[in-house]
Amino acid sequence: MPADLLLYLVIAVMVLIIGGGVFLGLVRARTARPLPPLPVEERPSRVEVPESAQGRLARLRSRLARSDSPMGRGILAILARDRLDEGSWEDIEDVLLGADVGVGPTRELVAHLRSRMRVEGAATPERVRDVLREELVRVLAPDMDRTLAVDGRDDLPGVVLVVGVNGTGKTTTVGRLARVLIADDKTVLLGAADTFRAAAVDQLQTWGQRVGVETVRGPEGGDPASVAFDAVQRGTARGVDTVLVDTAGRLHTKTGLMDELGKVKRVIEKQAPVTEVLLVIDATTGQNGLTQARVFAEVVDVTGIVLTKLDGTAKGGIVIAVQRELGVPVKLVGIGEGADDLAPFDPETFVAALLDAA
């Protein structure tokens, strides 16, 4: 067969093959069934608008005023007696100690109350209430800086490390804090570094999705420090204001929880300074919460306290005790089960609520 004829045959066969493929593709495209819609639970939900700080503070006072804390009520009842003898002051000490205020702050508060009542003599119930209000606010150290350090500098994000044992509401606090920052017009990214609890990672991602915030996560059981590093790296690349990093809260490695937290902080600071370390404490645990606080403070330089579950069965005095123990301010308090039930802590609002309940 001549070479030219063979070449023409090869070209003709190639044209037929290509043409047939294109024709079959067009037929399939016309006859293909459209993809089914996403199930409702997988569709992107509408982004929520978190509540402002003003609304949170108002609800804080209302919730605390309805709580079962006996501290304000008990002290006022004793101070209103016709005669304050040594037994009365011992009763006041018992009320304060029972409210988890702690020995040192209790003695200081009673000494100040005794001195003022002795100088002022007989007083009306209204004046007694005012004196108690002033002394409780004083012992809560109203001059402490309770500002959240959530802003970075030099084009780096602020990095907030949230620590605490499991069961205190740590992951929920991270999600709620994201809402607080979003309400203040901050841009936020979440780092799910509690890699040994898949439920915690999923929970944090759900919190983020509700307000349109990205969550960086790693493989289950992966290196928490690696996830924290990736989160800060992503936050820096995207130019967000704040990266919130949730951490593990239980012993799950041979090196120990505290060693791991120290590693997470060191790895993060290879990229950006940690601007805030928030320790989450369950307010209902009383003196056990203080023990936890001491251990964490030795490892990660705690800069602020978050007290969860402050409404309901919390005794209230733990606020005074933990601040005095660590020299670190309570910056946020959890006051309920709702998404926006995390409020800035304000000593005057707190004391007013305690006395309103009296």
Protein backbone atom coordinates (compact mmCIF):
# COMPACT_ATOMS: atom_id res chain seq x y z
CA MET A 1 0.00 0.00 0.00
CA PRO A 2 1.39 3.43 -0.90
CA ALA A 3 2.64 5.48 2.03
CA ASP A 4 0.37 8.42 1.21
CA LEU A 5 -2.76 6.23 1.24
CA LEU A 6 -1.75 4.71 4.63
CA LEU A 7 -1.33 8.19 6.11
CA TYR A 8 -4.80 9.25 4.90
CA LEU A 9 -6.36 6.12 6.47
CA VAL A 10 -4.71 6.80 9.86
CA ILE A 11 -5.95 10.40 9.84
CA ALA A 12 -9.48 9.31 8.94
CA VAL A 13 -9.58 6.78 11.78
CA MET A 14 -8.39 9.41 14.31
CA VAL A 15 -11.03 11.88 13.17
CA LEU A 16 -13.75 9.23 13.59
CA ILE A 17 -12.54 8.34 17.10
CA ILE A 18 -12.34 11.98 18.28
CA GLY A 19 -15.63 12.89 16.70
CA GLY A 20 -17.38 9.91 18.25
CA GLY A 21 -16.05 10.81 21.69
CA VAL A 22 -17.29 14.38 21.41
CA PHE A 23 -20.71 13.18 20.20
CA LEU A 24 -21.08 10.72 23.10
CA GLY A 25 -20.05 13.43 25.57
CA LEU A 26 -22.74 15.77 24.26
CA VAL A 27 -25.37 13.05 24.47
CA ARG A 28 -24.42 12.23 28.06
CA ALA A 29 -24.46 15.90 29.03
CA ARG A 30 -27.98 16.29 27.65
CA THR A 31 -29.32 13.14 29.24
CA ALA A 32 -27.47 13.36 32.61
CA ARG A 33 -29.70 13.86 35.61
CA PRO A 34 -29.00 16.95 37.74
CA LEU A 35 -27.30 16.45 41.10
CA PRO A 36 -29.76 16.25 44.02
CA PRO A 37 -29.87 19.25 46.34
CA LEU A 38 -27.91 19.15 49.59
CA PRO A 39 -29.83 17.81 52.56
CA VAL A 40 -31.14 20.62 54.74
CA GLU A 41 -28.68 19.89 57.56
CA GLU A 42 -25.71 20.28 55.16
CA ARG A 43 -26.74 23.58 53.62
CA PRO A 44 -24.91 26.69 54.83
CA SER A 45 -27.03 28.25 57.56
CA ARG A 46 -27.74 31.93 57.89
CA VAL A 47 -24.97 33.67 59.82
CA GLU A 48 -26.16 34.77 63.24
CA VAL A 49 -25.70 38.26 64.71
CA PRO A 50 -24.35 38.01 68.28
CA GLU A 51 -25.68 40.18 71.08
CA SER A 52 -23.88 43.39 72.10
CA ALA A 53 -21.92 43.79 75.34
CA GLN A 54 -24.59 46.09 76.79
CA GLY A 55 -27.28 43.43 76.46
CA ARG A 56 -25.02 40.83 78.03
CA LEU A 57 -24.31 43.00 81.08
CA ALA A 58 -28.01 43.62 81.64
CA ARG A 59 -28.70 39.90 81.51
CA LEU A 60 -25.76 39.22 83.83
CA ARG A 61 -27.27 41.40 86.53
CA SER A 62 -30.72 39.89 86.06
CA ARG A 63 -29.44 36.30 86.21
CA LEU A 64 -27.25 36.88 89.27
CA ALA A 65 -30.06 38.64 91.08
CA ARG A 66 -32.20 35.52 90.61
CA SER A 67 -29.43 33.14 91.72
CA ASP A 68 -29.39 31.14 94.95
CA SER A 69 -26.22 32.78 96.31
CA PRO A 70 -26.70 33.52 100.02
CA MET A 71 -23.71 35.81 100.43
CA GLY A 72 -25.33 39.24 100.19
CA ARG A 73 -28.55 38.16 101.86
CA GLY A 74 -26.78 36.50 104.79
CA ILE A 75 -24.43 39.38 105.57
CA LEU A 76 -27.13 42.03 105.32
CA ALA A 77 -29.34 40.11 107.72
CA ILE A 78 -26.55 40.01 110.31
CA LEU A 79 -25.52 43.66 109.88
CA ALA A 80 -29.14 44.72 110.37
CA ARG A 81 -29.23 43.30 113.91
CA ASP A 82 -29.79 45.73 116.78
CA ARG A 83 -26.44 44.83 118.29
CA LEU A 84 -23.33 43.51 116.58
CA ASP A 85 -21.38 41.44 119.09
CA GLU A 86 -18.45 39.09 118.59
CA GLY A 87 -20.81 36.30 117.66
CA SER A 88 -22.30 38.43 114.88
CA TRP A 89 -18.90 38.97 113.29
CA GLU A 90 -18.15 35.26 113.53
CA ASP A 91 -21.44 34.61 111.75
CA ILE A 92 -20.39 36.99 108.97
CA GLU A 93 -17.09 35.14 108.65
CA ASP A 94 -18.96 31.86 108.35
CA VAL A 95 -21.17 33.28 105.58
CA LEU A 96 -18.15 34.52 103.61
CA LEU A 97 -16.18 31.30 104.03
CA GLY A 98 -19.24 29.30 103.01
CA ALA A 99 -19.46 31.41 99.88
CA ASP A 100 -15.89 30.41 98.85
CA VAL A 101 -14.39 33.86 99.49
CA GLY A 102 -11.31 32.33 101.13
CA VAL A 103 -9.69 32.88 104.52
CA GLY A 104 -7.48 35.87 103.71
CA PRO A 105 -10.07 37.98 101.88
CA THR A 106 -12.71 37.06 104.51
CA ARG A 107 -10.59 38.39 107.38
CA GLU A 108 -9.80 41.55 105.44
CA LEU A 109 -13.42 42.19 104.53
CA VAL A 110 -14.65 41.62 108.10
CA ALA A 111 -11.96 43.91 109.50
CA HIS A 112 -13.00 46.73 107.19
CA LEU A 113 -16.70 46.20 107.94
CA ARG A 114 -16.08 46.20 111.71
CA SER A 115 -14.03 49.37 111.51
CA ARG A 116 -16.62 51.26 109.48
CA MET A 117 -19.58 50.12 111.55
CA ARG A 118 -17.74 51.10 114.74
CA VAL A 119 -16.96 54.58 113.41
CA GLU A 120 -20.38 55.21 111.91
CA GLY A 121 -22.33 53.78 114.84
CA ALA A 122 -26.04 53.16 114.43
CA ALA A 123 -27.03 53.10 110.79
CA THR A 124 -30.15 52.67 108.71
CA PRO A 125 -30.62 49.48 106.67
CA GLU A 126 -29.96 51.56 103.54
CA ARG A 127 -26.64 52.75 104.92
CA VAL A 128 -25.67 49.23 105.97
CA ARG A 129 -26.34 48.08 102.42
CA ASP A 130 -24.23 50.91 101.00
CA VAL A 131 -21.29 50.10 103.29
CA LEU A 132 -21.44 46.43 102.36
CA ARG A 133 -21.65 47.30 98.66
CA GLU A 134 -18.59 49.56 98.88
CA GLU A 135 -16.51 46.99 100.76
CA LEU A 136 -17.41 44.12 98.43
CA VAL A 137 -16.51 46.21 95.39
CA ARG A 138 -13.23 47.21 97.01
CA VAL A 139 -12.19 43.62 97.72
CA LEU A 140 -12.98 42.74 94.08
CA ALA A 141 -10.21 45.10 92.96
CA PRO A 142 -12.16 47.34 90.54
CA ASP A 143 -8.92 48.96 89.33
CA MET A 144 -7.67 45.73 87.75
CA ASP A 145 -7.39 45.93 83.96
CA ARG A 146 -10.10 43.63 82.57
CA THR A 147 -9.52 44.54 78.92
CA LEU A 148 -9.19 41.54 76.61
CA ALA A 149 -5.87 41.64 74.75
CA VAL A 150 -7.20 40.39 71.43
CA ASP A 151 -5.38 42.68 68.99
CA GLY A 152 -2.00 41.96 67.47
CA ARG A 153 0.46 44.37 65.91
CA ASP A 154 2.87 44.58 62.97
CA ASP A 155 0.35 42.79 60.71
CA LEU A 156 0.10 39.86 63.12
CA PRO A 157 -3.16 38.73 64.71
CA GLY A 158 -3.85 38.77 68.41
CA VAL A 159 -3.63 35.19 69.73
CA VAL A 160 -5.82 34.07 72.63
CA LEU A 161 -4.94 30.73 74.22
CA VAL A 162 -7.85 29.24 76.19
CA VAL A 163 -6.89 26.66 78.82
CA GLY A 164 -8.60 24.69 81.60
CA VAL A 165 -9.62 21.16 82.54
CA ASN A 166 -12.35 19.37 80.63
CA GLY A 167 -15.82 19.88 82.02
CA THR A 168 -15.41 23.57 82.84
CA GLY A 169 -17.04 24.71 79.59
CA LYS A 170 -13.77 25.57 77.86
CA THR A 171 -14.75 24.80 74.26
CA THR A 172 -18.13 26.47 74.72
CA THR A 173 -16.30 29.51 76.10
CA VAL A 174 -14.13 29.71 72.97
CA GLY A 175 -17.24 29.62 70.78
CA ARG A 176 -18.99 32.24 72.88
CA LEU A 177 -15.90 34.44 72.93
CA ALA A 178 -15.85 34.35 69.13
CA ARG A 179 -19.38 35.76 69.24
CA VAL A 180 -18.29 38.50 71.65
CA LEU A 181 -15.51 39.54 69.27
CA ILE A 182 -17.73 39.36 66.19
CA ALA A 183 -20.22 41.64 67.97
CA ASP A 184 -17.31 44.10 68.41
CA ASP A 185 -16.63 43.99 64.64
CA LYS A 186 -13.49 41.86 64.96
CA THR A 187 -12.49 39.23 62.42
CA VAL A 188 -11.80 35.86 64.05
CA LEU A 189 -10.33 32.44 63.26
CA LEU A 190 -10.63 29.38 65.54
CA GLY A 191 -7.98 26.75 66.21
CA ALA A 192 -9.29 23.37 67.42
CA ALA A 193 -6.18 22.15 69.25
CA ASP A 194 -8.08 19.78 71.58
CA THR A 195 -7.35 17.03 69.07
CA PHE A 196 -8.00 14.14 71.44
CA ARG A 197 -11.72 14.96 71.71
CA ALA A 198 -13.38 14.71 68.32
CA ALA A 199 -16.60 15.97 69.84
CA ALA A 200 -14.85 19.14 71.01
CA VAL A 201 -13.47 19.79 67.53
CA ASP A 202 -16.87 19.29 65.92
CA GLN A 203 -18.50 21.46 68.56
CA LEU A 204 -16.04 24.29 67.97
CA GLN A 205 -16.51 24.12 64.21
CA THR A 206 -20.28 24.39 64.70
CA TRP A 207 -19.82 27.47 66.86
CA GLY A 208 -17.70 29.02 64.12
CA GLN A 209 -20.14 28.22 61.34
CA ARG A 210 -22.96 29.95 63.20
CA VAL A 211 -21.17 33.30 62.96
CA GLY A 212 -19.25 32.73 59.72
CA VAL A 213 -15.88 32.02 61.34
CA GLU A 214 -13.38 29.49 59.95
CA THR A 215 -12.08 26.68 62.16
CA VAL A 216 -8.65 25.11 61.60
CA ARG A 217 -8.61 21.48 62.68
CA GLY A 218 -6.23 18.54 62.37
CA PRO A 219 -6.50 14.75 62.40
CA GLU A 220 -8.04 13.15 65.48
CA GLY A 221 -5.30 12.45 67.99
CA GLY A 222 -2.86 14.67 66.09
CA ASP A 223 -0.30 17.04 67.54
CA PRO A 224 -2.14 19.93 69.25
CA ALA A 225 0.83 22.26 68.80
CA SER A 226 0.77 21.62 65.06
CA VAL A 227 -2.90 22.59 64.85
CA ALA A 228 -2.26 25.73 66.87
CA PHE A 229 0.66 26.61 64.58
CA ASP A 230 -1.46 26.10 61.46
CA ALA A 231 -4.25 28.23 62.90
CA VAL A 232 -1.98 31.18 63.62
CA GLN A 233 -0.33 30.79 60.23
CA ARG A 234 -3.74 30.81 58.52
CA GLY A 235 -4.91 33.75 60.59
CA THR A 236 -1.81 35.73 59.69
CA ALA A 237 -2.18 34.96 55.98
CA ARG A 238 -5.84 35.99 56.02
CA GLY A 239 -5.25 39.13 58.03
CA VAL A 240 -7.74 38.35 60.80
CA ASP A 241 -7.76 40.39 63.99
CA THR A 242 -7.79 37.49 66.47
CA VAL A 243 -7.01 33.76 66.53
CA LEU A 244 -8.72 31.84 69.36
CA VAL A 245 -7.04 28.53 70.22
CA ASP A 246 -8.90 25.86 72.19
CA THR A 247 -6.58 23.45 74.02
CA ALA A 248 -6.76 20.01 75.60
CA GLY A 249 -7.95 19.80 79.18
CA ARG A 250 -7.01 16.32 80.31
CA LEU A 251 -3.97 14.10 80.63
CA HIS A 252 -3.61 11.97 77.51
CA THR A 253 0.13 11.73 76.78
CA LYS A 254 3.13 10.48 78.69
CA THR A 255 4.60 13.97 78.77
CA GLY A 256 1.58 15.31 80.64
CA LEU A 257 -0.97 18.00 80.04
CA MET A 258 1.08 20.88 81.41
CA ASP A 259 4.14 20.05 79.32
CA GLU A 260 1.92 19.92 76.26
CA LEU A 261 0.36 23.30 76.98
CA GLY A 262 3.80 24.81 77.37
CA LYS A 263 4.76 23.33 74.00
CA VAL A 264 1.62 24.72 72.32
CA LYS A 265 2.43 28.21 73.57
CA ARG A 266 6.08 28.00 72.49
CA VAL A 267 5.16 26.76 69.00
CA ILE A 268 2.58 29.52 68.53
CA GLU A 269 5.08 32.18 69.51
CA LYS A 270 7.40 31.14 66.70
CA GLN A 271 4.94 33.06 64.51
CA ALA A 272 3.14 35.58 66.72
CA PRO A 273 3.03 36.54 70.41
CA VAL A 274 0.28 35.06 72.55
CA THR A 275 -1.54 38.20 73.62
CA GLU A 276 -3.95 36.63 76.14
CA VAL A 277 -4.10 33.38 78.11
CA LEU A 278 -7.57 32.79 79.53
CA LEU A 279 -8.07 30.16 82.21
CA VAL A 280 -11.61 28.75 82.33
CA ILE A 281 -12.84 27.72 85.79
CA ASP A 282 -16.20 26.25 86.76
CA ALA A 283 -17.52 28.63 89.43
CA THR A 284 -19.42 25.82 91.15
CA THR A 285 -16.22 23.89 92.02
CA GLY A 286 -15.12 26.38 94.69
CA GLN A 287 -11.72 25.66 96.19
CA ASN A 288 -11.06 22.87 93.65
CA GLY A 289 -11.09 25.58 91.00
CA LEU A 290 -8.37 27.42 92.91
CA THR A 291 -6.18 24.33 92.89
CA GLN A 292 -6.55 24.06 89.12
CA ALA A 293 -5.78 27.76 88.74
CA ARG A 294 -2.49 27.47 90.62
CA VAL A 295 -1.25 24.60 88.42
CA PHE A 296 -2.15 26.26 85.11
CA ALA A 297 -0.73 29.62 86.17
CA GLU A 298 2.68 28.02 86.75
CA VAL A 299 2.87 26.83 83.15
CA VAL A 300 1.28 29.33 80.77
CA ASP A 301 1.30 32.76 82.48
CA VAL A 302 -2.46 33.18 82.83
CA THR A 303 -3.55 36.76 82.07
CA GLY A 304 -7.30 36.49 82.69
CA ILE A 305 -9.93 34.26 84.28
CA VAL A 306 -13.23 33.12 82.79
CA LEU A 307 -15.70 31.89 85.40
CA THR A 308 -18.41 29.70 83.92
CA LYS A 309 -21.70 28.62 85.51
CA LEU A 310 -21.74 31.69 87.74
CA ASP A 311 -25.51 31.72 87.85
CA GLY A 312 -27.53 29.11 89.71
CA THR A 313 -25.57 27.13 92.32
CA ALA A 314 -22.32 29.15 92.24
CA LYS A 315 -21.60 30.73 95.60
CA GLY A 316 -20.09 33.93 94.20
CA GLY A 317 -17.14 34.30 96.54
CA ILE A 318 -14.89 32.35 94.17
CA VAL A 319 -14.51 35.56 92.15
CA ILE A 320 -12.77 37.21 95.10
CA ALA A 321 -10.71 34.14 95.97
CA VAL A 322 -9.32 33.41 92.52
CA GLN A 323 -8.33 37.02 91.88
CA ARG A 324 -6.57 37.21 95.24
CA GLU A 325 -4.86 33.85 94.73
CA LEU A 326 -3.46 34.56 91.27
CA GLY A 327 -3.32 38.35 91.16
CA VAL A 328 -5.10 37.97 87.82
CA PRO A 329 -8.44 39.62 86.98
CA VAL A 330 -11.67 37.83 86.25
CA LYS A 331 -12.42 39.15 82.76
CA LEU A 332 -15.46 37.16 81.63
CA VAL A 333 -18.25 35.23 83.30
CA GLY A 334 -20.62 32.58 81.95
CA ILE A 335 -24.16 33.20 83.13
CA GLY A 336 -26.33 30.57 81.45
CA GLU A 337 -26.72 28.05 78.65
CA GLY A 338 -27.43 30.40 75.74
CA ALA A 339 -25.06 31.23 72.89
CA ASP A 340 -24.57 34.79 74.13
CA ASP A 341 -24.41 34.00 77.85
CA LEU A 342 -20.81 35.17 78.23
CA ALA A 343 -20.41 38.68 79.62
CA PRO A 344 -17.58 41.02 80.64
CA PHE A 345 -17.07 40.93 84.39
CA ASP A 346 -17.77 44.21 86.16
CA PRO A 347 -17.32 44.32 89.97
CA GLU A 348 -20.00 46.94 90.58
CA THR A 349 -22.57 45.10 88.47
CA PHE A 350 -21.70 41.83 90.22
CA VAL A 351 -22.05 43.26 93.72
CA ALA A 352 -25.25 45.10 92.87
CA ALA A 353 -26.73 41.83 91.64
CA LEU A 354 -25.72 39.98 94.81
CA LEU A 355 -27.36 42.61 97.00
CA ASP A 356 -30.42 42.80 94.78
CA ALA A 357 -30.94 39.12 95.56
CA ALA A 358 -30.82 39.85 99.29
